[in-house]
Amino acid sequence: MSSSAEATAQRCRHCRRDLGLPAVIMPETETRIIVQTGPVSAVVMPSRLATEFVAEQSVPLGPVIEHPASRRWTFPTDRPGRVRRI
């Protein structure tokens, strides 16, 4: 297993064990993690605003998905308009 594949496997285990997400590695890749789910709600914001938002919170948030190419962060919610706290 390549080092990138091992890193992906470790991140996938973290998603399942620590975040409670039904994450799996895509069978045809070694480096893509997917989460199969039904309908979800999420808040998406620019990374600069997201960084400020996270810094202002008094409790940890999670999970948070970063999209480096578009400079956006996605915060899955437990109900529309509310960021999930862990």
N, C-alpha and C. Protein backbone atom coordinates (compact mmCIF):
# COMPACT_ATOMS: atom_id res chain seq x y z
N MET A 1 0.86 -1.18 0.00
CA MET A 1 0.00 0.00 0.00
C MET A 1 0.90 1.24 0.00
N SER A 2 0.62 2.19 -0.89
CA SER A 2 1.43 3.41 -0.96
C SER A 2 1.20 4.28 0.27
N SER A 3 2.10 5.22 0.50
CA SER A 3 1.95 6.09 1.67
C SER A 3 0.70 6.96 1.56
N SER A 4 0.34 7.39 0.35
CA SER A 4 -0.89 8.18 0.20
C SER A 4 -2.13 7.32 0.45
N ALA A 5 -2.08 6.06 0.04
CA ALA A 5 -3.20 5.15 0.29
C ALA A 5 -3.33 4.89 1.79
N GLU A 6 -2.21 4.73 2.48
CA GLU A 6 -2.25 4.51 3.93
C GLU A 6 -2.79 5.75 4.65
N ALA A 7 -2.39 6.94 4.21
CA ALA A 7 -2.90 8.18 4.81
C ALA A 7 -4.40 8.29 4.60
N THR A 8 -4.86 7.91 3.42
CA THR A 8 -6.30 7.94 3.13
C THR A 8 -7.04 6.95 4.02
N ALA A 9 -6.48 5.76 4.18
CA ALA A 9 -7.11 4.75 5.04
C ALA A 9 -7.19 5.26 6.48
N GLN A 10 -6.14 5.93 6.94
CA GLN A 10 -6.14 6.47 8.30
C GLN A 10 -7.21 7.56 8.45
N ARG A 11 -7.32 8.46 7.46
CA ARG A 11 -8.35 9.52 7.50
C ARG A 11 -9.75 8.90 7.47
N CYS A 12 -9.93 7.86 6.68
CA CYS A 12 -11.23 7.20 6.58
C CYS A 12 -11.61 6.57 7.92
N ARG A 13 -10.65 5.92 8.58
CA ARG A 13 -10.91 5.35 9.90
C ARG A 13 -11.29 6.44 10.90
N HIS A 14 -10.60 7.57 10.83
CA HIS A 14 -10.92 8.71 11.70
C HIS A 14 -12.36 9.19 11.47
N CYS A 15 -12.75 9.30 10.21
CA CYS A 15 -14.12 9.73 9.88
C CYS A 15 -15.15 8.78 10.47
N ARG A 16 -14.90 7.47 10.36
CA ARG A 16 -15.85 6.48 10.88
C ARG A 16 -15.84 6.44 12.40
N ARG A 17 -14.66 6.32 12.99
CA ARG A 17 -14.55 6.11 14.44
C ARG A 17 -14.84 7.39 15.24
N ASP A 18 -14.21 8.50 14.87
CA ASP A 18 -14.29 9.72 15.68
C ASP A 18 -15.44 10.65 15.30
N LEU A 19 -15.83 10.63 14.03
CA LEU A 19 -16.87 11.55 13.58
C LEU A 19 -18.21 10.87 13.35
N GLY A 20 -18.21 9.55 13.38
CA GLY A 20 -19.46 8.82 13.22
C GLY A 20 -20.03 8.89 11.81
N LEU A 21 -19.17 9.10 10.82
CA LEU A 21 -19.62 9.19 9.43
C LEU A 21 -19.47 7.84 8.74
N PRO A 22 -20.41 7.47 7.88
CA PRO A 22 -20.30 6.20 7.15
C PRO A 22 -19.35 6.33 5.95
N ALA A 23 -18.08 6.61 6.24
CA ALA A 23 -17.09 6.86 5.19
C ALA A 23 -16.50 5.57 4.66
N VAL A 24 -16.21 5.57 3.36
CA VAL A 24 -15.53 4.45 2.70
C VAL A 24 -14.57 5.02 1.67
N ILE A 25 -13.57 4.23 1.31
CA ILE A 25 -12.66 4.62 0.23
C ILE A 25 -13.26 4.13 -1.07
N MET A 26 -13.32 5.01 -2.07
CA MET A 26 -13.86 4.62 -3.37
C MET A 26 -13.07 3.43 -3.90
N PRO A 27 -13.75 2.38 -4.34
CA PRO A 27 -13.05 1.16 -4.77
C PRO A 27 -12.04 1.38 -5.90
N GLU A 28 -12.33 2.27 -6.82
CA GLU A 28 -11.42 2.44 -7.97
C GLU A 28 -10.29 3.43 -7.70
N THR A 29 -10.20 3.93 -6.47
CA THR A 29 -9.13 4.87 -6.12
C THR A 29 -8.45 4.41 -4.84
N GLU A 30 -7.32 5.01 -4.55
CA GLU A 30 -6.66 4.77 -3.26
C GLU A 30 -6.75 6.00 -2.36
N THR A 31 -7.23 7.11 -2.91
CA THR A 31 -7.10 8.37 -2.17
C THR A 31 -8.39 9.17 -2.02
N ARG A 32 -9.52 8.63 -2.46
CA ARG A 32 -10.78 9.36 -2.33
C ARG A 32 -11.69 8.71 -1.31
N ILE A 33 -12.15 9.55 -0.39
CA ILE A 33 -13.09 9.08 0.63
C ILE A 33 -14.46 9.62 0.27
N ILE A 34 -15.46 8.77 0.36
CA ILE A 34 -16.83 9.21 0.14
C ILE A 34 -17.67 8.86 1.35
N VAL A 35 -18.72 9.62 1.55
CA VAL A 35 -19.67 9.35 2.61
C VAL A 35 -21.02 9.18 1.94
N GLN A 36 -21.55 7.98 2.00
CA GLN A 36 -22.85 7.71 1.41
C GLN A 36 -23.91 8.01 2.45
N THR A 37 -24.85 8.86 2.08
CA THR A 37 -25.87 9.28 3.02
C THR A 37 -27.14 9.66 2.27
N GLY A 38 -28.16 9.93 2.99
CA GLY A 38 -29.39 10.44 2.41
C GLY A 38 -29.32 11.95 2.33
N PRO A 39 -30.46 12.62 2.31
CA PRO A 39 -30.46 14.08 2.25
C PRO A 39 -29.75 14.68 3.46
N VAL A 40 -28.97 15.73 3.21
CA VAL A 40 -28.25 16.41 4.28
C VAL A 40 -28.45 17.92 4.15
N SER A 41 -28.23 18.60 5.23
CA SER A 41 -28.20 20.07 5.23
C SER A 41 -26.77 20.49 5.54
N ALA A 42 -26.36 21.61 4.99
CA ALA A 42 -25.00 22.10 5.24
C ALA A 42 -24.96 23.60 5.03
N VAL A 43 -23.96 24.20 5.67
CA VAL A 43 -23.67 25.61 5.46
C VAL A 43 -22.30 25.67 4.80
N VAL A 44 -22.20 26.40 3.68
CA VAL A 44 -20.93 26.55 2.97
C VAL A 44 -20.54 28.01 3.05
N MET A 45 -19.25 28.26 3.37
CA MET A 45 -18.80 29.66 3.45
C MET A 45 -17.37 29.77 2.97
N PRO A 46 -16.97 30.98 2.55
CA PRO A 46 -15.58 31.19 2.15
C PRO A 46 -14.64 30.88 3.30
N SER A 47 -13.44 30.38 2.98
CA SER A 47 -12.52 29.93 4.02
C SER A 47 -12.16 31.04 5.00
N ARG A 48 -12.01 32.28 4.54
CA ARG A 48 -11.66 33.37 5.45
C ARG A 48 -12.75 33.57 6.50
N LEU A 49 -13.99 33.59 6.07
CA LEU A 49 -15.12 33.72 6.99
C LEU A 49 -15.23 32.49 7.89
N ALA A 50 -15.03 31.30 7.32
CA ALA A 50 -15.11 30.06 8.09
C ALA A 50 -14.07 30.04 9.20
N THR A 51 -12.85 30.50 8.90
CA THR A 51 -11.79 30.55 9.91
C THR A 51 -12.20 31.46 11.07
N GLU A 52 -12.76 32.60 10.76
CA GLU A 52 -13.23 33.52 11.81
C GLU A 52 -14.37 32.89 12.61
N PHE A 53 -15.29 32.24 11.90
CA PHE A 53 -16.43 31.60 12.56
C PHE A 53 -15.97 30.53 13.55
N VAL A 54 -15.05 29.67 13.12
CA VAL A 54 -14.56 28.60 13.99
C VAL A 54 -13.84 29.18 15.20
N ALA A 55 -13.06 30.23 15.00
CA ALA A 55 -12.32 30.85 16.11
C ALA A 55 -13.26 31.45 17.16
N GLU A 56 -14.45 31.87 16.76
CA GLU A 56 -15.40 32.49 17.69
C GLU A 56 -16.22 31.47 18.49
N GLN A 57 -16.16 30.20 18.12
CA GLN A 57 -17.00 29.19 18.78
C GLN A 57 -16.37 28.75 20.10
N SER A 58 -17.20 28.54 21.09
CA SER A 58 -16.71 28.12 22.40
C SER A 58 -16.65 26.60 22.54
N VAL A 59 -17.24 25.87 21.60
CA VAL A 59 -17.20 24.41 21.61
C VAL A 59 -16.71 23.93 20.26
N PRO A 60 -16.11 22.73 20.19
CA PRO A 60 -15.64 22.21 18.91
C PRO A 60 -16.80 22.00 17.93
N LEU A 61 -16.51 22.19 16.66
CA LEU A 61 -17.47 21.93 15.60
C LEU A 61 -17.01 20.70 14.83
N GLY A 62 -17.91 20.01 14.22
CA GLY A 62 -17.45 18.93 13.39
C GLY A 62 -18.59 18.13 12.81
N PRO A 63 -18.31 17.42 11.75
CA PRO A 63 -17.11 17.55 10.94
C PRO A 63 -17.15 18.81 10.09
N VAL A 64 -16.00 19.26 9.65
CA VAL A 64 -15.89 20.40 8.75
C VAL A 64 -15.13 19.91 7.53
N ILE A 65 -15.63 20.23 6.35
CA ILE A 65 -15.01 19.77 5.11
C ILE A 65 -14.40 20.97 4.41
N GLU A 66 -13.09 20.92 4.17
CA GLU A 66 -12.40 22.02 3.51
C GLU A 66 -12.27 21.71 2.01
N HIS A 67 -12.51 22.72 1.18
CA HIS A 67 -12.37 22.60 -0.27
C HIS A 67 -11.28 23.58 -0.70
N PRO A 68 -10.00 23.17 -0.67
CA PRO A 68 -8.90 24.12 -0.94
C PRO A 68 -8.98 24.78 -2.32
N ALA A 69 -9.39 24.05 -3.33
CA ALA A 69 -9.41 24.62 -4.68
C ALA A 69 -10.38 25.80 -4.80
N SER A 70 -11.53 25.69 -4.15
CA SER A 70 -12.52 26.77 -4.23
C SER A 70 -12.46 27.70 -3.02
N ARG A 71 -11.54 27.40 -2.09
CA ARG A 71 -11.39 28.20 -0.87
C ARG A 71 -12.73 28.34 -0.14
N ARG A 72 -13.39 27.21 0.08
CA ARG A 72 -14.66 27.16 0.79
C ARG A 72 -14.60 26.05 1.84
N TRP A 73 -15.39 26.21 2.88
CA TRP A 73 -15.55 25.18 3.91
C TRP A 73 -17.02 24.81 3.97
N THR A 74 -17.30 23.54 4.18
CA THR A 74 -18.67 23.06 4.34
C THR A 74 -18.85 22.54 5.76
N PHE A 75 -19.91 23.01 6.40
CA PHE A 75 -20.27 22.59 7.75
C PHE A 75 -21.59 21.81 7.66
N PRO A 76 -21.54 20.45 7.71
CA PRO A 76 -22.80 19.70 7.74
C PRO A 76 -23.58 20.10 8.99
N THR A 77 -24.88 20.12 8.87
CA THR A 77 -25.72 20.56 9.98
C THR A 77 -26.63 19.44 10.45
N ASP A 78 -27.07 19.54 11.71
CA ASP A 78 -28.01 18.54 12.20
C ASP A 78 -29.44 18.94 11.91
N ARG A 79 -29.64 20.16 11.48
CA ARG A 79 -30.92 20.63 10.96
C ARG A 79 -30.64 21.88 10.13
N PRO A 80 -31.51 22.24 9.21
CA PRO A 80 -31.22 23.38 8.33
C PRO A 80 -30.84 24.63 9.10
N GLY A 81 -29.71 25.22 8.70
CA GLY A 81 -29.27 26.49 9.28
C GLY A 81 -28.54 26.39 10.60
N ARG A 82 -28.27 25.19 11.11
CA ARG A 82 -27.61 25.05 12.40
C ARG A 82 -26.36 24.16 12.25
N VAL A 83 -25.20 24.69 12.58
CA VAL A 83 -23.95 23.93 12.48
C VAL A 83 -23.88 22.89 13.59
N ARG A 84 -23.44 21.71 13.26
CA ARG A 84 -23.36 20.61 14.21
C ARG A 84 -22.20 20.83 15.17
N ARG A 85 -22.47 20.69 16.44
CA ARG A 85 -21.43 20.79 17.48
C ARG A 85 -21.11 19.40 17.98
N ILE A 86 -19.83 19.18 18.31
CA ILE A 86 -19.43 17.86 18.82
C ILE A 86 -18.99 17.98 20.26
